[in-house]
Amino acid sequence: MGGAAVATQKMLKFVTLGKEMPEKRDAASRARDFDEIYREFAAQKAAEQASRCSQCGVPYCQSHCPLHNNIPDWLRLTAEGRLQEAYELSQATNTFPEICGRICPQDRLCEGNCVIEQAGHGTVTIGAVEKYITDTAWEEGWVKPIRPHVERPESVGIIGAGPGGLAAADVLRRAGVQVTVYDRHDRAGGLLTYGIPGFKLEKDVVLRRNEQLRDGGVQFVLDCNVGTDLTFDAIRGQHDAVLIATGVYKVREIEAPGAGAKGIVKALDYLTASNRKSFGDEVPAFDSGELDASGKRVVVIGGGDTAMDCVRTAIRQGALSVKCLYRRDRANMPGSQREVQNAEEEGVEFVWLSAPRGFTGGTEVEGVMVQKMRLGAPDATGRQTPEVIEGADYVEPADLVVQALGFEPEDLPTLWGQPELKVTRWGTIKADFRSHATSLPGVYAAGDIVRGASLVVWAIRDGREAAESILGYLAQNGAVAAE
C-alpha cells in the first residue's frame, strides 16, 4: 500500500470518532485554586482527535487564524505520531503556540470555522492539540535556544513586553539584531503575566518564554515608565529603530451617580492584584480587602473576556455571590462562549440585558442601580442596539463592583512629548497596515496600540510582521550608509 494511502487511513476519522476535549477538572475542585482547568491530552487522545481532521481542500481553520497557522498539516503529523515535525511546523508561524493553544477563543476562530463542525460532526479540538504539541516539545527538549548565526550591529528598542513586543523581539533576535525591551512592569509578559488569570494560563508557561528570550540575548529594562523614567527621544537615540507595542491600558470607566464610591474597582487593577498574589508578591490593596472578593457580593459589569476573567477570579477568591451584568443577550456578547459556560459551571450568574444606571451607598458601594434593556434596531455595525425598558429598574446588592468595559489607548503623543506621532480619532497610533510604520521615521507600532483592544493572537501576528518590516528598514539603511 502506498504512503499516501497509509497517511489517509490515519485521517478522516471524524465519521467514527466524536469530538473530545481534554478532560475538564470538576467545577467544585477547580473553583478553589488558580490552576488550569483542562487536563493534558494523552498522546493517544491527541493523535485520535488530530486524526478527525478532514484534510479539506480549502482549510477554513487556517484562513480564519490570524497567524494562518498550517493547522491541517500539523494535525496530520500529530495523528501519525510525528510530534517533533508537528511542533516545528507549528512554531514556524507562531512564536508562542502553547500560549495561543490555551487562551485563543478557538470557538470564534479556527475551530468555529472547521469544515466538519459545519457538517455537524463536531469540530477538531485544534487548540488542545496545539497546546499538547508544544508542551511536549518543551518536555522533550525540542524547543531550542535562540542562537543567531551572525551577530549584527544594529539595535532595536521595543516599548512594551506584551505578546506583540515579545513576538517581535523573538524574530529580530533570531536574525542577530541587538534587542532591548522596555516595560513598565517588574516582569515581562504584559497581560499574559498580569492580566490573564492562572486558570487559563499558568504563569510558568509565560516565564519560560521570557527566559528563552533573555537567554537568547534580549535585554529587558523593567520597571521603566517611558515618558517619566526614560524619555522616548532617549530610547530613539539609542537604537536604529523603535517598535511601540504598549497595548491599551486606559480603562473605560462608568460615568454614573455614585461611580466614585469605595468598592468600585477597575478590572485590570483587580486581575493584576490577584496575579501578583500568585507570584507571592506583597499586594497591600489585596491584603486590605480592597481588591479581594472573599466573602463579598460581587457584580462585574461587562461581557468580554476580561469580564469572564474577573467573575471566575472572584469565585476562586471565595466570593459570597458573583453576578455579571451585560447590556445585550448571550448571543451578542463579545466574550468566548466557552468561557461563559466555564463560568456558569463554577457558579457565576449572568444577568443579561442589564446595564448600570448608578450606584447606591454613598462613600462605600452597597448596590448597583440596574436598568433592564431590550434589543432594538441594528446599528451601523449590524448589531442590535440596547434600549432601556422604562420602569423596570431595580437595585442589585453589591460589596465589590468590577468595571470590565474594555480598554482605550493612553495619549502617547502628549505623554511622550511627540506631537508628530500621528494617532487616529480613537487615539490609537496611525501605522501602515502592511509595514506597521508610523509617521516617525524608523518608528513602528504593533498590536493593540494600533488596532485597539484585541486578541493576543493578533498582537503576535502584528509583532512578527513589524519585525520583518524593521529588518527590511535596517537592511535598506545599512545599504545607504555603505554607499
Protein backbone atom coordinates (compact mmCIF):
# COMPACT_ATOMS: atom_id res chain seq x y z
CA MET A 1 0.00 0.00 0.00
CA GLY A 2 1.37 3.47 -0.93
CA GLY A 3 2.48 6.02 1.66
CA ALA A 4 -0.34 8.39 0.74
CA ALA A 5 -2.94 5.69 1.34
CA VAL A 6 -1.43 4.85 4.73
CA ALA A 7 -1.47 8.54 5.69
CA THR A 8 -5.10 8.81 4.57
CA GLN A 9 -6.01 5.85 6.76
CA LYS A 10 -4.81 7.80 9.78
CA MET A 11 -7.03 10.79 8.91
CA LEU A 12 -10.72 11.38 8.07
CA LYS A 13 -11.84 9.62 11.26
CA PHE A 14 -14.47 12.21 12.16
CA VAL A 15 -17.17 9.77 10.97
CA THR A 16 -16.26 7.14 13.58
CA LEU A 17 -14.62 9.31 16.28
CA GLY A 18 -16.53 12.05 18.08
CA LYS A 19 -15.19 15.40 19.27
CA GLU A 20 -13.43 15.04 22.61
CA MET A 21 -11.84 17.87 24.59
CA PRO A 22 -9.20 17.19 27.23
CA GLU A 23 -10.88 16.23 30.49
CA LYS A 24 -12.02 19.26 32.47
CA ARG A 25 -11.47 19.32 36.23
CA ASP A 26 -14.81 19.34 38.04
CA ALA A 27 -16.18 22.78 38.84
CA ALA A 28 -16.16 22.35 42.62
CA SER A 29 -12.46 21.49 42.85
CA ARG A 30 -11.19 23.92 40.21
CA ALA A 31 -13.08 26.83 41.79
CA ARG A 32 -10.79 26.51 44.83
CA ASP A 33 -7.49 27.21 43.05
CA PHE A 34 -5.92 29.07 40.15
CA ASP A 35 -4.53 26.03 38.31
CA GLU A 36 -5.50 25.46 34.68
CA ILE A 37 -8.85 23.71 34.37
CA TYR A 38 -8.11 21.39 31.42
CA ARG A 39 -6.02 18.28 31.96
CA GLU A 40 -3.34 17.32 29.45
CA PHE A 41 -4.17 15.23 26.42
CA ALA A 42 -2.52 11.82 26.47
CA ALA A 43 -0.56 11.01 23.31
CA GLN A 44 -3.24 8.58 22.13
CA LYS A 45 -6.09 11.07 22.60
CA ALA A 46 -4.18 13.88 20.88
CA ALA A 47 -3.48 11.61 17.92
CA GLU A 48 -7.12 10.44 17.84
CA GLN A 49 -8.51 13.97 17.82
CA ALA A 50 -5.96 15.12 15.23
CA SER A 51 -6.99 12.16 13.04
CA ARG A 52 -10.53 13.57 12.86
CA CYS A 53 -9.31 16.36 10.56
CA SER A 54 -10.92 16.00 7.11
CA GLN A 55 -7.82 17.45 5.35
CA CYS A 56 -10.23 19.59 3.33
CA GLY A 57 -9.06 21.27 0.12
CA VAL A 58 -9.76 24.78 1.46
CA PRO A 59 -8.76 24.80 5.14
CA TYR A 60 -11.05 27.41 6.69
CA CYS A 61 -9.38 26.80 10.07
CA GLN A 62 -6.13 28.13 8.61
CA SER A 63 -7.67 31.07 6.77
CA HIS A 64 -9.55 32.18 9.92
CA CYS A 65 -6.41 32.02 12.07
CA PRO A 66 -4.76 35.47 12.27
CA LEU A 67 -1.34 33.76 12.02
CA HIS A 68 -2.51 31.46 9.19
CA ASN A 69 -1.07 28.50 11.07
CA ASN A 70 -0.66 25.41 8.90
CA ILE A 71 -3.22 23.56 11.00
CA PRO A 72 -4.16 20.62 8.73
CA ASP A 73 -0.53 19.62 8.22
CA TRP A 74 0.44 19.64 11.89
CA LEU A 75 -2.76 17.77 12.74
CA ARG A 76 -1.78 15.10 10.20
CA LEU A 77 1.74 14.87 11.63
CA THR A 78 0.28 14.52 15.15
CA ALA A 79 -2.06 11.75 14.00
CA GLU A 80 0.97 9.97 12.52
CA GLY A 81 2.93 10.30 15.76
CA ARG A 82 5.47 12.70 14.19
CA LEU A 83 5.24 15.20 17.03
CA GLN A 84 8.62 16.89 16.63
CA GLU A 85 7.82 17.69 13.00
CA ALA A 86 4.37 18.89 14.06
CA TYR A 87 6.00 21.23 16.59
CA GLU A 88 8.50 22.58 14.02
CA LEU A 89 5.64 23.35 11.62
CA SER A 90 3.55 24.97 14.34
CA GLN A 91 6.49 27.08 15.57
CA ALA A 92 7.25 28.27 12.02
CA THR A 93 4.21 30.59 12.01
CA ASN A 94 3.52 31.11 15.71
CA THR A 95 6.02 32.43 18.24
CA PHE A 96 4.01 31.18 21.24
CA PRO A 97 1.81 28.22 20.18
CA GLU A 98 1.42 26.82 23.70
CA ILE A 99 0.02 30.21 24.80
CA CYS A 100 -2.39 30.51 21.87
CA GLY A 101 -3.48 26.91 22.43
CA ARG A 102 -4.54 27.92 25.95
CA ILE A 103 -6.10 31.36 25.53
CA CYS A 104 -7.21 31.86 21.92
CA PRO A 105 -11.00 31.89 21.50
CA GLN A 106 -10.85 28.91 19.15
CA ASP A 107 -14.65 28.75 19.12
CA ARG A 108 -14.63 32.08 17.24
CA LEU A 109 -11.56 31.39 15.07
CA CYS A 110 -10.11 28.09 13.83
CA GLU A 111 -12.49 25.62 15.50
CA GLY A 112 -15.55 27.74 14.79
CA ASN A 113 -14.76 27.55 11.08
CA CYS A 114 -13.80 23.86 10.93
CA VAL A 115 -15.46 22.17 7.95
CA ILE A 116 -16.56 19.08 9.89
CA GLU A 117 -18.07 21.38 12.56
CA GLN A 118 -20.19 22.97 9.82
CA ALA A 119 -21.16 19.46 8.69
CA GLY A 120 -22.42 18.59 12.17
CA HIS A 121 -19.66 16.22 13.29
CA GLY A 122 -18.17 18.45 16.00
CA THR A 123 -15.00 20.43 15.46
CA VAL A 124 -11.46 19.12 15.66
CA THR A 125 -10.11 20.30 19.05
CA ILE A 126 -7.34 22.32 17.41
CA GLY A 127 -6.37 24.45 20.42
CA ALA A 128 -5.93 21.48 22.74
CA VAL A 129 -3.75 19.66 20.20
CA GLU A 130 -1.66 22.82 19.62
CA LYS A 131 -1.06 23.12 23.37
CA TYR A 132 -0.20 19.42 23.63
CA ILE A 133 2.34 19.58 20.76
CA THR A 134 4.31 22.48 22.24
CA ASP A 135 4.13 21.32 25.87
CA THR A 136 5.56 18.01 24.64
CA ALA A 137 8.27 19.90 22.71
CA TRP A 138 9.39 21.66 25.91
CA GLU A 139 9.43 18.36 27.83
CA GLU A 140 11.42 16.59 25.12
CA GLY A 141 13.95 19.39 24.61
CA TRP A 142 12.84 20.18 21.05
CA VAL A 143 12.49 23.89 21.85
CA LYS A 144 15.95 25.14 21.01
CA PRO A 145 17.69 28.21 22.47
CA ILE A 146 17.82 31.36 20.36
CA ARG A 147 21.28 31.36 18.80
CA PRO A 148 21.67 33.73 15.81
CA HIS A 149 24.05 32.54 13.09
CA VAL A 150 25.54 36.04 12.83
CA GLU A 151 25.51 38.92 15.31
CA ARG A 152 24.51 42.21 13.68
CA PRO A 153 25.47 45.66 14.95
CA GLU A 154 22.01 47.20 14.50
CA SER A 155 19.93 47.80 17.59
CA VAL A 156 16.14 47.91 18.04
CA GLY A 157 14.24 49.22 21.06
CA ILE A 158 10.83 47.73 21.80
CA ILE A 159 8.47 49.57 24.14
CA GLY A 160 6.15 47.04 25.73
CA ALA A 161 6.84 43.45 26.80
CA GLY A 162 3.41 42.07 25.93
CA PRO A 163 2.78 39.40 23.27
CA GLY A 164 3.32 41.79 20.34
CA GLY A 165 6.61 43.17 21.65
CA LEU A 166 7.92 39.75 22.66
CA ALA A 167 6.99 38.19 19.29
CA ALA A 168 8.89 40.97 17.52
CA ALA A 169 11.86 40.55 19.88
CA ASP A 170 11.98 36.84 19.02
CA VAL A 171 12.05 37.44 15.25
CA LEU A 172 14.63 40.24 15.48
CA ARG A 173 16.92 38.40 17.84
CA ARG A 174 16.93 35.25 15.72
CA ALA A 175 18.10 37.49 12.86
CA GLY A 176 21.05 38.62 15.00
CA VAL A 177 19.76 42.13 15.76
CA GLN A 178 20.52 43.58 19.21
CA VAL A 179 17.17 43.96 21.03
CA THR A 180 16.21 45.87 24.17
CA VAL A 181 12.67 45.64 25.55
CA TYR A 182 11.35 48.37 27.86
CA ASP A 183 8.33 47.74 30.09
CA ARG A 184 6.57 49.47 32.96
CA HIS A 185 6.14 46.27 34.99
CA ASP A 186 8.68 44.31 37.01
CA ARG A 187 8.11 41.16 34.93
CA ALA A 188 7.84 40.80 31.17
CA GLY A 189 4.71 39.41 29.54
CA GLY A 190 2.24 42.28 29.81
CA LEU A 191 -1.32 40.99 30.03
CA LEU A 192 -0.03 37.42 29.66
CA THR A 193 1.64 37.85 33.05
CA TYR A 194 -0.64 40.22 34.92
CA GLY A 195 -3.98 40.35 33.11
CA ILE A 196 -4.87 36.73 32.34
CA PRO A 197 -5.58 34.50 35.36
CA GLY A 198 -3.62 31.33 36.05
CA PHE A 199 -6.63 29.06 35.50
CA LYS A 200 -6.42 29.99 31.80
CA LEU A 201 -2.66 30.45 31.53
CA GLU A 202 -0.35 29.21 34.27
CA LYS A 203 2.43 31.73 34.75
CA ASP A 204 5.39 29.38 34.38
CA VAL A 205 4.32 28.98 30.72
CA VAL A 206 4.89 32.72 30.18
CA LEU A 207 8.03 32.98 32.34
CA ARG A 208 9.58 30.10 30.40
CA ARG A 209 9.29 32.12 27.17
CA ASN A 210 10.64 35.24 28.89
CA GLU A 211 13.68 33.25 30.00
CA GLN A 212 14.18 31.86 26.49
CA LEU A 213 14.34 35.42 25.12
CA ARG A 214 16.64 36.59 27.92
CA ASP A 215 18.95 33.60 27.43
CA GLY A 216 18.92 34.34 23.71
CA GLY A 217 20.35 37.80 24.27
CA VAL A 218 17.30 40.05 24.54
CA GLN A 219 17.91 42.81 27.08
CA PHE A 220 15.00 43.75 29.36
CA VAL A 221 14.70 47.15 31.04
CA LEU A 222 11.84 46.66 33.51
CA ASP A 223 10.07 48.99 35.96
CA CYS A 224 10.56 51.63 33.28
CA ASN A 225 7.81 54.13 32.53
CA VAL A 226 8.59 55.72 29.18
CA GLY A 227 7.91 59.43 29.38
CA THR A 228 8.87 59.70 33.05
CA ASP A 229 11.72 57.30 33.89
CA LEU A 230 13.13 57.48 30.37
CA THR A 231 12.16 59.76 27.51
CA PHE A 232 11.03 58.45 24.15
CA ASP A 233 13.73 60.59 22.50
CA ALA A 234 16.39 58.88 24.64
CA ILE A 235 15.20 55.44 23.52
CA ARG A 236 15.07 56.57 19.92
CA GLY A 237 18.58 57.95 20.19
CA GLN A 238 19.97 54.64 21.47
CA HIS A 239 18.52 52.46 18.71
CA ASP A 240 18.44 52.23 14.93
CA ALA A 241 14.70 51.55 15.01
CA VAL A 242 11.94 51.52 17.61
CA LEU A 243 8.77 49.43 17.92
CA ILE A 244 5.87 50.74 20.02
CA ALA A 245 3.94 47.78 21.42
CA THR A 246 2.48 49.22 24.61
CA GLY A 247 -1.00 47.77 24.31
CA VAL A 248 -4.00 49.73 25.60
CA TYR A 249 -4.35 50.09 29.37
CA LYS A 250 -6.64 53.07 29.95
CA VAL A 251 -9.87 51.67 31.40
CA ARG A 252 -13.28 52.77 30.16
CA GLU A 253 -14.96 53.96 33.33
CA ILE A 254 -18.65 54.16 34.12
CA GLU A 255 -19.93 57.72 34.35
CA ALA A 256 -22.95 57.43 36.60
CA PRO A 257 -24.11 58.70 40.02
CA GLY A 258 -22.06 57.16 42.81
CA ALA A 259 -19.32 55.85 40.47
CA GLY A 260 -16.57 57.18 42.75
CA ALA A 261 -17.59 55.10 45.77
CA LYS A 262 -15.15 52.81 47.52
CA GLY A 263 -15.59 49.23 46.35
CA ILE A 264 -15.94 50.11 42.65
CA VAL A 265 -12.68 48.99 41.05
CA LYS A 266 -11.08 48.60 37.62
CA ALA A 267 -10.82 45.13 36.09
CA LEU A 268 -7.10 45.34 35.39
CA ASP A 269 -6.30 46.51 38.94
CA TYR A 270 -8.35 43.59 40.27
CA LEU A 271 -6.76 40.96 38.00
CA THR A 272 -3.22 42.30 38.47
CA ALA A 273 -3.57 42.13 42.26
CA SER A 274 -4.72 38.51 42.05
CA ASN A 275 -1.90 37.53 39.70
CA ARG A 276 0.69 39.28 41.87
CA LYS A 277 -0.51 37.29 44.88
CA SER A 278 0.04 34.11 42.86
CA PHE A 279 3.68 35.18 42.43
CA GLY A 280 3.96 35.69 46.19
CA ASP A 281 4.26 39.48 45.90
CA GLU A 282 3.16 41.85 48.63
CA VAL A 283 -0.08 43.49 47.45
CA PRO A 284 -1.37 45.97 50.07
CA ALA A 285 -4.62 46.67 48.16
CA PHE A 286 -5.40 42.94 48.17
CA ASP A 287 -4.32 42.32 51.77
CA SER A 288 -6.51 45.20 52.98
CA GLY A 289 -9.51 43.56 51.31
CA GLU A 290 -10.00 46.30 48.72
CA LEU A 291 -9.18 44.00 45.78
CA ASP A 292 -10.15 40.70 47.41
CA ALA A 293 -13.61 39.26 46.70
CA SER A 294 -13.60 36.90 49.70
CA GLY A 295 -17.00 36.89 51.44
CA LYS A 296 -18.38 39.66 49.21
CA ARG A 297 -21.33 40.04 46.86
CA VAL A 298 -19.54 40.75 43.59
CA VAL A 299 -21.00 42.37 40.48
CA VAL A 300 -18.89 42.51 37.31
CA ILE A 301 -20.04 44.89 34.57
CA GLY A 302 -19.12 43.90 31.01
CA GLY A 303 -19.38 40.98 28.58
CA GLY A 304 -15.91 40.46 27.12
CA ASP A 305 -13.16 38.01 28.00
CA THR A 306 -11.82 40.38 30.69
CA ALA A 307 -15.20 40.26 32.42
CA MET A 308 -15.09 36.44 32.26
CA ASP A 309 -11.63 36.51 33.87
CA CYS A 310 -12.95 38.74 36.67
CA VAL A 311 -16.04 36.66 37.53
CA ARG A 312 -14.07 33.42 37.56
CA THR A 313 -11.34 35.01 39.71
CA ALA A 314 -13.97 36.22 42.21
CA ILE A 315 -15.35 32.67 42.53
CA ARG A 316 -11.86 31.39 43.36
CA GLN A 317 -11.33 34.11 45.95
CA GLY A 318 -14.37 32.87 47.86
CA ALA A 319 -16.99 35.47 46.92
CA LEU A 320 -20.42 35.10 48.53
CA SER A 321 -22.06 35.55 45.12
CA VAL A 322 -20.88 36.60 41.67
CA LYS A 323 -23.12 38.21 39.05
CA CYS A 324 -22.19 39.52 35.61
CA LEU A 325 -24.25 42.35 34.10
CA TYR A 326 -24.24 42.68 30.32
CA ARG A 327 -26.40 45.06 28.31
CA ARG A 328 -27.00 42.66 25.42
CA ASP A 329 -28.01 38.98 25.43
CA ARG A 330 -25.88 35.83 25.43
CA ALA A 331 -25.85 35.56 21.62
CA ASN A 332 -24.47 39.10 21.26
CA MET A 333 -21.77 39.12 23.92
CA PRO A 334 -18.17 39.56 22.67
CA GLY A 335 -16.58 37.08 25.09
CA SER A 336 -15.91 33.42 24.34
CA GLN A 337 -18.99 31.20 24.75
CA ARG A 338 -16.69 28.50 26.11
CA GLU A 339 -15.65 30.89 28.89
CA VAL A 340 -19.30 31.73 29.68
CA GLN A 341 -20.03 28.02 30.05
CA ASN A 342 -17.00 27.53 32.32
CA ALA A 343 -18.10 30.47 34.46
CA GLU A 344 -21.66 29.19 34.78
CA GLU A 345 -20.39 25.75 35.80
CA GLU A 346 -18.35 27.42 38.55
CA GLY A 347 -21.33 29.31 39.97
CA VAL A 348 -21.41 32.67 38.16
CA GLU A 349 -24.88 34.09 37.44
CA PHE A 350 -25.26 36.08 34.21
CA VAL A 351 -27.81 38.87 34.19
CA TRP A 352 -28.43 39.56 30.51
CA LEU A 353 -29.95 42.74 29.05
CA SER A 354 -28.89 44.77 32.09
CA ALA A 355 -26.88 47.97 32.45
CA PRO A 356 -25.82 50.14 35.42
CA ARG A 357 -27.62 53.47 35.91
CA GLY A 358 -25.78 54.38 39.09
CA PHE A 359 -24.65 53.10 42.48
CA THR A 360 -26.13 53.23 45.96
CA GLY A 361 -24.38 53.52 49.30
CA GLY A 362 -22.65 56.90 49.40
CA THR A 363 -18.91 56.65 50.16
CA GLU A 364 -18.95 52.82 50.10
CA VAL A 365 -20.84 50.97 47.40
CA GLU A 366 -23.85 48.98 48.57
CA GLY A 367 -25.61 48.23 45.32
CA VAL A 368 -25.86 48.73 41.57
CA MET A 369 -28.92 50.52 40.16
CA VAL A 370 -29.74 48.27 37.21
CA GLN A 371 -31.66 49.25 34.11
CA LYS A 372 -33.32 46.42 32.19
CA MET A 373 -32.78 46.56 28.44
CA ARG A 374 -34.24 45.15 25.24
CA LEU A 375 -32.57 44.85 21.84
CA GLY A 376 -33.87 47.30 19.26
CA ALA A 377 -32.96 48.05 15.65
CA PRO A 378 -29.48 47.17 14.34
CA ASP A 379 -26.82 49.90 14.40
CA ALA A 380 -24.27 50.69 11.65
CA THR A 381 -22.31 47.52 12.52
CA GLY A 382 -25.38 45.31 12.24
CA ARG A 383 -25.67 44.63 15.98
CA GLN A 384 -28.98 45.33 17.67
CA THR A 385 -28.87 48.45 19.85
CA PRO A 386 -29.82 48.05 23.53
CA GLU A 387 -32.78 50.20 24.59
CA VAL A 388 -33.91 50.95 28.16
CA ILE A 389 -37.18 49.40 29.36
CA GLU A 390 -38.78 52.23 31.34
CA GLY A 391 -39.92 51.43 34.86
CA ALA A 392 -38.03 48.13 35.15
CA ASP A 393 -35.11 49.41 37.26
CA TYR A 394 -34.01 47.61 40.41
CA VAL A 395 -31.05 47.58 42.82
CA GLU A 396 -28.59 44.67 42.81
CA PRO A 397 -26.82 44.46 46.21
CA ALA A 398 -23.01 44.59 45.89
CA ASP A 399 -19.96 44.94 48.13
CA LEU A 400 -17.48 44.86 45.22
CA VAL A 401 -18.16 46.14 41.70
CA VAL A 402 -15.63 45.44 38.97
CA GLN A 403 -15.70 47.59 35.83
CA ALA A 404 -14.77 45.47 32.80
CA LEU A 405 -15.96 47.65 29.94
CA GLY A 406 -12.81 47.46 27.84
CA PHE A 407 -9.65 49.49 27.35
CA GLU A 408 -8.63 52.61 25.45
CA PRO A 409 -5.20 53.93 24.40
CA GLU A 410 -3.28 56.38 26.51
CA ASP A 411 -2.44 59.73 24.91
CA LEU A 412 1.10 58.74 23.90
CA PRO A 413 1.96 61.85 21.82
CA THR A 414 1.36 64.00 24.92
CA LEU A 415 2.80 61.55 27.48
CA TRP A 416 5.96 61.12 25.44
CA GLY A 417 6.26 64.68 24.11
CA GLN A 418 5.90 63.51 20.50
CA PRO A 419 3.29 65.73 18.80
CA GLU A 420 4.48 64.45 15.37
CA LEU A 421 3.39 60.90 16.27
CA LYS A 422 0.09 60.67 14.40
CA VAL A 423 -2.90 58.98 16.01
CA THR A 424 -6.36 58.09 14.80
CA ARG A 425 -9.57 59.71 16.04
CA TRP A 426 -9.79 56.85 18.55
CA GLY A 427 -6.33 57.71 19.95
CA THR A 428 -4.62 54.61 18.56
CA ILE A 429 -1.32 55.09 16.74
CA LYS A 430 -1.70 55.54 13.00
CA ALA A 431 0.51 52.93 11.33
CA ASP A 432 0.65 51.43 7.84
CA PHE A 433 -1.41 48.24 7.96
CA ARG A 434 1.22 46.31 5.98
CA SER A 435 4.57 47.63 7.21
CA HIS A 436 3.41 48.92 10.64
CA ALA A 437 5.48 52.08 10.03
CA THR A 438 4.31 55.19 11.92
CA SER A 439 4.61 58.87 10.96
CA LEU A 440 8.06 58.98 12.62
CA PRO A 441 11.00 57.64 10.54
CA GLY A 442 12.33 54.37 11.90
CA VAL A 443 9.47 54.04 14.37
CA TYR A 444 6.94 51.21 14.05
CA ALA A 445 3.88 50.20 16.05
CA ALA A 446 2.09 46.89 16.51
CA GLY A 447 -0.69 45.23 18.47
CA ASP A 448 -3.49 46.81 20.45
CA ILE A 449 -1.95 50.29 20.41
CA VAL A 450 -2.68 50.27 16.66
CA ARG A 451 -5.79 48.10 16.31
CA GLY A 452 -7.45 48.80 19.67
CA ALA A 453 -8.13 46.18 22.35
CA SER A 454 -7.96 42.85 20.56
CA LEU A 455 -6.74 39.26 20.83
CA VAL A 456 -3.29 38.02 21.84
CA VAL A 457 -3.01 36.12 18.54
CA TRP A 458 -3.44 39.36 16.56
CA ALA A 459 -0.72 41.04 18.65
CA ILE A 460 1.64 38.12 17.89
CA ARG A 461 0.90 38.43 14.18
CA ASP A 462 1.44 42.21 14.23
CA GLY A 463 4.69 41.87 16.18
CA ARG A 464 6.09 39.30 13.75
CA GLU A 465 5.09 41.39 10.72
CA ALA A 466 6.53 44.60 12.22
CA ALA A 467 9.82 42.80 12.96
CA GLU A 468 10.10 41.72 9.31
CA SER A 469 9.49 45.32 8.21
CA ILE A 470 12.13 46.56 10.66
CA LEU A 471 14.63 44.05 9.25
CA GLY A 472 13.93 45.46 5.79
CA TYR A 473 14.36 49.02 7.07
CA LEU A 474 17.67 48.17 8.75
CA ALA A 475 18.96 46.48 5.59
CA GLN A 476 17.98 49.46 3.46
CA ASN A 477 19.57 51.97 5.83
CA GLY A 478 22.71 49.86 6.07
CA ALA A 479 22.98 49.81 2.29
CA VAL A 480 22.51 53.60 2.13
CA ALA A 481 25.15 54.12 4.85
CA ALA A 482 27.62 51.92 2.98
CA GLU A 483 27.36 53.99 -0.22
